[in-house]
């Protein structure tokens, strides 16, 4: 799980263009969600080095994975897939029936990853980021109920 002491490294490695206070709020929100059992923020660590981040929020109608980021030097090595797989496992444990994730329509690499993991295009919205309009494609995955372990 993420903690506030990860903020500076997380900003440097995964979110270099975001202001520090934005990263602190992101982590504080993830910690609050975890305490209330409505989500979780996780960091990916390799050899003691923080290399990625992802966040799960469980909403009443559908869970959402957001702020998925992998350090540029570690991209393409399965870290994003591992973070997503872990967050999907947590979503199932929290009884979510579906999960949504979004990516800018020009982020073909992320969209390909999500589709490869079973997500399907659901809807598209236009948002304003840093003063510019960006089209975001949301994808959805219906979760199978978690089966209890065999006795």
C-alpha atoms as a PDB file:
ATOM      1  CA  UNK A   1       0.000   0.000   0.000  1.00  0.00           C
ATOM      2  CA  UNK A   2       1.032   3.586  -0.667  1.00  0.00           C
ATOM      3  CA  UNK A   3       1.931   5.874   2.231  1.00  0.00           C
ATOM      4  CA  UNK A   4       2.664   9.594   2.492  1.00  0.00           C
ATOM      5  CA  UNK A   5       6.400   8.930   2.751  1.00  0.00           C
ATOM      6  CA  UNK A   6       6.200   7.713  -0.895  1.00  0.00           C
ATOM      7  CA  UNK A   7       5.054  11.134  -2.140  1.00  0.00           C
ATOM      8  CA  UNK A   8       8.365  12.641  -3.255  1.00  0.00           C
ATOM      9  CA  UNK A   9       9.562   9.468  -4.975  1.00  0.00           C
ATOM     10  CA  UNK A  10       6.154   8.879  -6.548  1.00  0.00           C
ATOM     11  CA  UNK A  11       6.134  12.384  -7.981  1.00  0.00           C
ATOM     12  CA  UNK A  12       9.696  12.107  -9.309  1.00  0.00           C
ATOM     13  CA  UNK A  13       9.272   8.623 -10.797  1.00  0.00           C
ATOM     14  CA  UNK A  14       5.642   8.434 -11.944  1.00  0.00           C
ATOM     15  CA  UNK A  15       4.098  11.921 -11.963  1.00  0.00           C
ATOM     16  CA  UNK A  16       6.874  14.473 -12.655  1.00  0.00           C
ATOM     17  CA  UNK A  17       4.514  17.081 -14.135  1.00  0.00           C
ATOM     18  CA  UNK A  18       2.080  17.085 -11.216  1.00  0.00           C
ATOM     19  CA  UNK A  19       2.532  19.593  -8.374  1.00  0.00           C
ATOM     20  CA  UNK A  20       3.639  18.115  -5.016  1.00  0.00           C
ATOM     21  CA  UNK A  21       0.374  19.051  -3.274  1.00  0.00           C
ATOM     22  CA  UNK A  22      -1.564  17.059  -5.897  1.00  0.00           C
ATOM     23  CA  UNK A  23       0.490  13.954  -5.104  1.00  0.00           C
ATOM     24  CA  UNK A  24      -0.046  14.410  -1.353  1.00  0.00           C
ATOM     25  CA  UNK A  25      -3.815  14.704  -1.899  1.00  0.00           C
ATOM     26  CA  UNK A  26      -3.783  11.614  -4.133  1.00  0.00           C
ATOM     27  CA  UNK A  27      -2.025   9.571  -1.434  1.00  0.00           C
ATOM     28  CA  UNK A  28      -4.159  10.966   1.401  1.00  0.00           C
ATOM     29  CA  UNK A  29      -7.273   9.991  -0.564  1.00  0.00           C
ATOM     30  CA  UNK A  30      -5.909   6.476  -1.171  1.00  0.00           C
ATOM     31  CA  UNK A  31      -5.119   6.057   2.528  1.00  0.00           C
ATOM     32  CA  UNK A  32      -8.612   7.277   3.476  1.00  0.00           C
ATOM     33  CA  UNK A  33     -10.244   4.876   0.992  1.00  0.00           C
ATOM     34  CA  UNK A  34      -8.215   1.985   2.425  1.00  0.00           C
ATOM     35  CA  UNK A  35      -9.187   2.848   6.031  1.00  0.00           C
ATOM     36  CA  UNK A  36     -12.862   2.969   5.011  1.00  0.00           C
ATOM     37  CA  UNK A  37     -12.535  -0.266   2.968  1.00  0.00           C
ATOM     38  CA  UNK A  38     -13.573   1.517  -0.255  1.00  0.00           C
ATOM     39  CA  UNK A  39     -10.344   1.186  -2.180  1.00  0.00           C
ATOM     40  CA  UNK A  40      -6.596   1.122  -2.120  1.00  0.00           C
ATOM     41  CA  UNK A  41      -3.528   2.816  -3.557  1.00  0.00           C
ATOM     42  CA  UNK A  42      -0.542   0.586  -4.249  1.00  0.00           C
ATOM     43  CA  UNK A  43       3.060   1.091  -5.255  1.00  0.00           C
ATOM     44  CA  UNK A  44       5.067  -1.416  -7.252  1.00  0.00           C
ATOM     45  CA  UNK A  45       8.538  -2.032  -5.855  1.00  0.00           C
ATOM     46  CA  UNK A  46      11.438  -3.796  -7.569  1.00  0.00           C
ATOM     47  CA  UNK A  47      14.739  -4.303  -5.730  1.00  0.00           C
ATOM     48  CA  UNK A  48      13.676  -1.653  -3.208  1.00  0.00           C
ATOM     49  CA  UNK A  49      12.931   0.866  -5.951  1.00  0.00           C
ATOM     50  CA  UNK A  50       9.467   2.389  -6.431  1.00  0.00           C
ATOM     51  CA  UNK A  51       8.583   1.793 -10.091  1.00  0.00           C
ATOM     52  CA  UNK A  52       4.796   2.158 -10.363  1.00  0.00           C
ATOM     53  CA  UNK A  53       1.490   3.179  -8.846  1.00  0.00           C
ATOM     54  CA  UNK A  54      -2.208   2.406  -9.205  1.00  0.00           C
ATOM     55  CA  UNK A  55      -5.371   3.261  -7.302  1.00  0.00           C
ATOM     56  CA  UNK A  56      -8.695   1.489  -6.854  1.00  0.00           C
ATOM     57  CA  UNK A  57     -11.903   3.192  -5.750  1.00  0.00           C
ATOM     58  CA  UNK A  58     -15.007   1.080  -5.156  1.00  0.00           C
ATOM     59  CA  UNK A  59     -18.107   3.068  -6.078  1.00  0.00           C
ATOM     60  CA  UNK A  60     -21.664   1.755  -5.558  1.00  0.00           C
ATOM     61  CA  UNK A  61     -22.285   0.932  -9.240  1.00  0.00           C
ATOM     62  CA  UNK A  62     -18.758   0.049 -10.424  1.00  0.00           C
ATOM     63  CA  UNK A  63     -15.179   0.183  -9.167  1.00  0.00           C
ATOM     64  CA  UNK A  64     -12.620   2.410 -10.866  1.00  0.00           C
ATOM     65  CA  UNK A  65      -8.892   2.038 -11.393  1.00  0.00           C
ATOM     66  CA  UNK A  66      -7.128   5.370 -11.776  1.00  0.00           C
ATOM     67  CA  UNK A  67      -3.734   7.024 -11.743  1.00  0.00           C
ATOM     68  CA  UNK A  68      -1.984   3.949 -13.116  1.00  0.00           C
ATOM     69  CA  UNK A  69       1.620   4.921 -13.835  1.00  0.00           C
ATOM     70  CA  UNK A  70       4.883   3.073 -14.379  1.00  0.00           C
ATOM     71  CA  UNK A  71       8.296   4.754 -14.367  1.00  0.00           C
ATOM     72  CA  UNK A  72       9.308   5.362 -17.954  1.00  0.00           C
ATOM     73  CA  UNK A  73      12.471   3.264 -17.654  1.00  0.00           C
ATOM     74  CA  UNK A  74      10.401   0.278 -16.438  1.00  0.00           C
ATOM     75  CA  UNK A  75       7.569   0.398 -18.981  1.00  0.00           C
ATOM     76  CA  UNK A  76       6.940  -2.650 -21.149  1.00  0.00           C
ATOM     77  CA  UNK A  77       8.095  -5.125 -18.492  1.00  0.00           C
ATOM     78  CA  UNK A  78       4.729  -6.257 -17.106  1.00  0.00           C
ATOM     79  CA  UNK A  79       4.616  -3.889 -14.139  1.00  0.00           C
ATOM     80  CA  UNK A  80       1.410  -2.157 -15.275  1.00  0.00           C
ATOM     81  CA  UNK A  81      -0.189  -5.576 -15.821  1.00  0.00           C
ATOM     82  CA  UNK A  82       0.896  -6.689 -12.354  1.00  0.00           C
ATOM     83  CA  UNK A  83      -0.548  -3.560 -10.713  1.00  0.00           C
ATOM     84  CA  UNK A  84      -3.812  -3.997 -12.632  1.00  0.00           C
ATOM     85  CA  UNK A  85      -4.030  -7.695 -11.743  1.00  0.00           C
ATOM     86  CA  UNK A  86      -3.536  -6.912  -8.070  1.00  0.00           C
ATOM     87  CA  UNK A  87      -6.139  -4.133  -8.087  1.00  0.00           C
ATOM     88  CA  UNK A  88      -8.629  -6.422  -9.878  1.00  0.00           C
ATOM     89  CA  UNK A  89      -8.020  -9.061  -7.183  1.00  0.00           C
ATOM     90  CA  UNK A  90      -8.701  -6.444  -4.487  1.00  0.00           C
ATOM     91  CA  UNK A  91     -11.840  -5.254  -6.325  1.00  0.00           C
ATOM     92  CA  UNK A  92     -13.197  -8.826  -6.328  1.00  0.00           C
ATOM     93  CA  UNK A  93     -12.430  -9.177  -2.613  1.00  0.00           C
ATOM     94  CA  UNK A  94     -14.379  -5.948  -2.046  1.00  0.00           C
ATOM     95  CA  UNK A  95     -17.339  -7.489  -3.914  1.00  0.00           C
ATOM     96  CA  UNK A  96     -17.156  -5.171  -6.938  1.00  0.00           C
ATOM     97  CA  UNK A  97     -19.074  -6.520  -9.930  1.00  0.00           C
ATOM     98  CA  UNK A  98     -17.308  -4.409 -12.552  1.00  0.00           C
ATOM     99  CA  UNK A  99     -14.286  -2.155 -12.947  1.00  0.00           C
ATOM    100  CA  UNK A 100     -13.753   0.845 -15.201  1.00  0.00           C
ATOM    101  CA  UNK A 101     -10.500   2.406 -16.330  1.00  0.00           C
ATOM    102  CA  UNK A 102      -9.850   5.345 -18.633  1.00  0.00           C
ATOM    103  CA  UNK A 103      -7.052   6.482 -20.914  1.00  0.00           C
ATOM    104  CA  UNK A 104      -6.565   9.326 -23.340  1.00  0.00           C
ATOM    105  CA  UNK A 105      -7.579   8.121 -26.796  1.00  0.00           C
ATOM    106  CA  UNK A 106      -4.065   8.836 -28.078  1.00  0.00           C
ATOM    107  CA  UNK A 107      -2.525   6.608 -25.362  1.00  0.00           C
ATOM    108  CA  UNK A 108      -2.602   3.548 -27.596  1.00  0.00           C
ATOM    109  CA  UNK A 109      -0.212   1.573 -25.402  1.00  0.00           C
ATOM    110  CA  UNK A 110      -2.457   1.850 -22.322  1.00  0.00           C
ATOM    111  CA  UNK A 111      -5.611   1.104 -24.302  1.00  0.00           C
ATOM    112  CA  UNK A 112      -3.979  -1.991 -25.826  1.00  0.00           C
ATOM    113  CA  UNK A 113      -2.963  -3.214 -22.352  1.00  0.00           C
ATOM    114  CA  UNK A 114      -6.462  -2.757 -20.940  1.00  0.00           C
ATOM    115  CA  UNK A 115      -8.063  -4.542 -23.897  1.00  0.00           C
ATOM    116  CA  UNK A 116      -5.526  -7.370 -23.650  1.00  0.00           C
ATOM    117  CA  UNK A 117      -6.544  -7.815 -19.991  1.00  0.00           C
ATOM    118  CA  UNK A 118     -10.213  -8.191 -20.973  1.00  0.00           C
ATOM    119  CA  UNK A 119     -11.555  -4.639 -20.684  1.00  0.00           C
ATOM    120  CA  UNK A 120     -14.025  -3.544 -23.376  1.00  0.00           C
ATOM    121  CA  UNK A 121     -14.724  -0.024 -24.656  1.00  0.00           C
ATOM    122  CA  UNK A 122     -17.665   1.473 -22.778  1.00  0.00           C
ATOM    123  CA  UNK A 123     -17.896   5.241 -23.255  1.00  0.00           C
ATOM    124  CA  UNK A 124     -15.856   8.286 -24.211  1.00  0.00           C
ATOM    125  CA  UNK A 125     -15.761  11.684 -22.517  1.00  0.00           C
ATOM    126  CA  UNK A 126     -13.915  14.918 -23.097  1.00  0.00           C
ATOM    127  CA  UNK A 127     -12.103  16.412 -20.109  1.00  0.00           C
ATOM    128  CA  UNK A 128      -9.902  19.450 -19.620  1.00  0.00           C
ATOM    129  CA  UNK A 129      -6.357  18.675 -18.460  1.00  0.00           C
ATOM    130  CA  UNK A 130      -3.843  21.463 -18.027  1.00  0.00           C
ATOM    131  CA  UNK A 131      -6.139  23.777 -19.988  1.00  0.00           C
ATOM    132  CA  UNK A 132      -6.468  21.481 -23.011  1.00  0.00           C
ATOM    133  CA  UNK A 133      -9.417  19.339 -24.082  1.00  0.00           C
ATOM    134  CA  UNK A 134      -8.558  15.631 -24.015  1.00  0.00           C
ATOM    135  CA  UNK A 135     -10.758  12.764 -25.210  1.00  0.00           C
ATOM    136  CA  UNK A 136     -10.734   9.882 -22.715  1.00  0.00           C
ATOM    137  CA  UNK A 137     -11.865   6.366 -23.574  1.00  0.00           C
ATOM    138  CA  UNK A 138     -13.352   4.451 -20.640  1.00  0.00           C
ATOM    139  CA  UNK A 139     -13.228   0.681 -20.693  1.00  0.00           C
ATOM    140  CA  UNK A 140     -15.120  -1.739 -18.480  1.00  0.00           C
ATOM    141  CA  UNK A 141     -14.509  -5.229 -17.205  1.00  0.00           C
ATOM    142  CA  UNK A 142     -17.280  -7.343 -15.700  1.00  0.00           C
ATOM    143  CA  UNK A 143     -15.871  -9.282 -12.762  1.00  0.00           C
ATOM    144  CA  UNK A 144     -16.752 -12.867 -12.132  1.00  0.00           C
ATOM    145  CA  UNK A 145     -17.689 -13.505  -8.502  1.00  0.00           C
ATOM    146  CA  UNK A 146     -14.750 -14.722  -6.451  1.00  0.00           C
ATOM    147  CA  UNK A 147     -15.057 -18.421  -5.783  1.00  0.00           C
ATOM    148  CA  UNK A 148     -14.339 -19.691  -2.281  1.00  0.00           C
ATOM    149  CA  UNK A 149     -11.323 -21.986  -2.052  1.00  0.00           C
ATOM    150  CA  UNK A 150     -12.109 -25.724  -2.273  1.00  0.00           C
ATOM    151  CA  UNK A 151     -12.457 -27.552   1.015  1.00  0.00           C
END
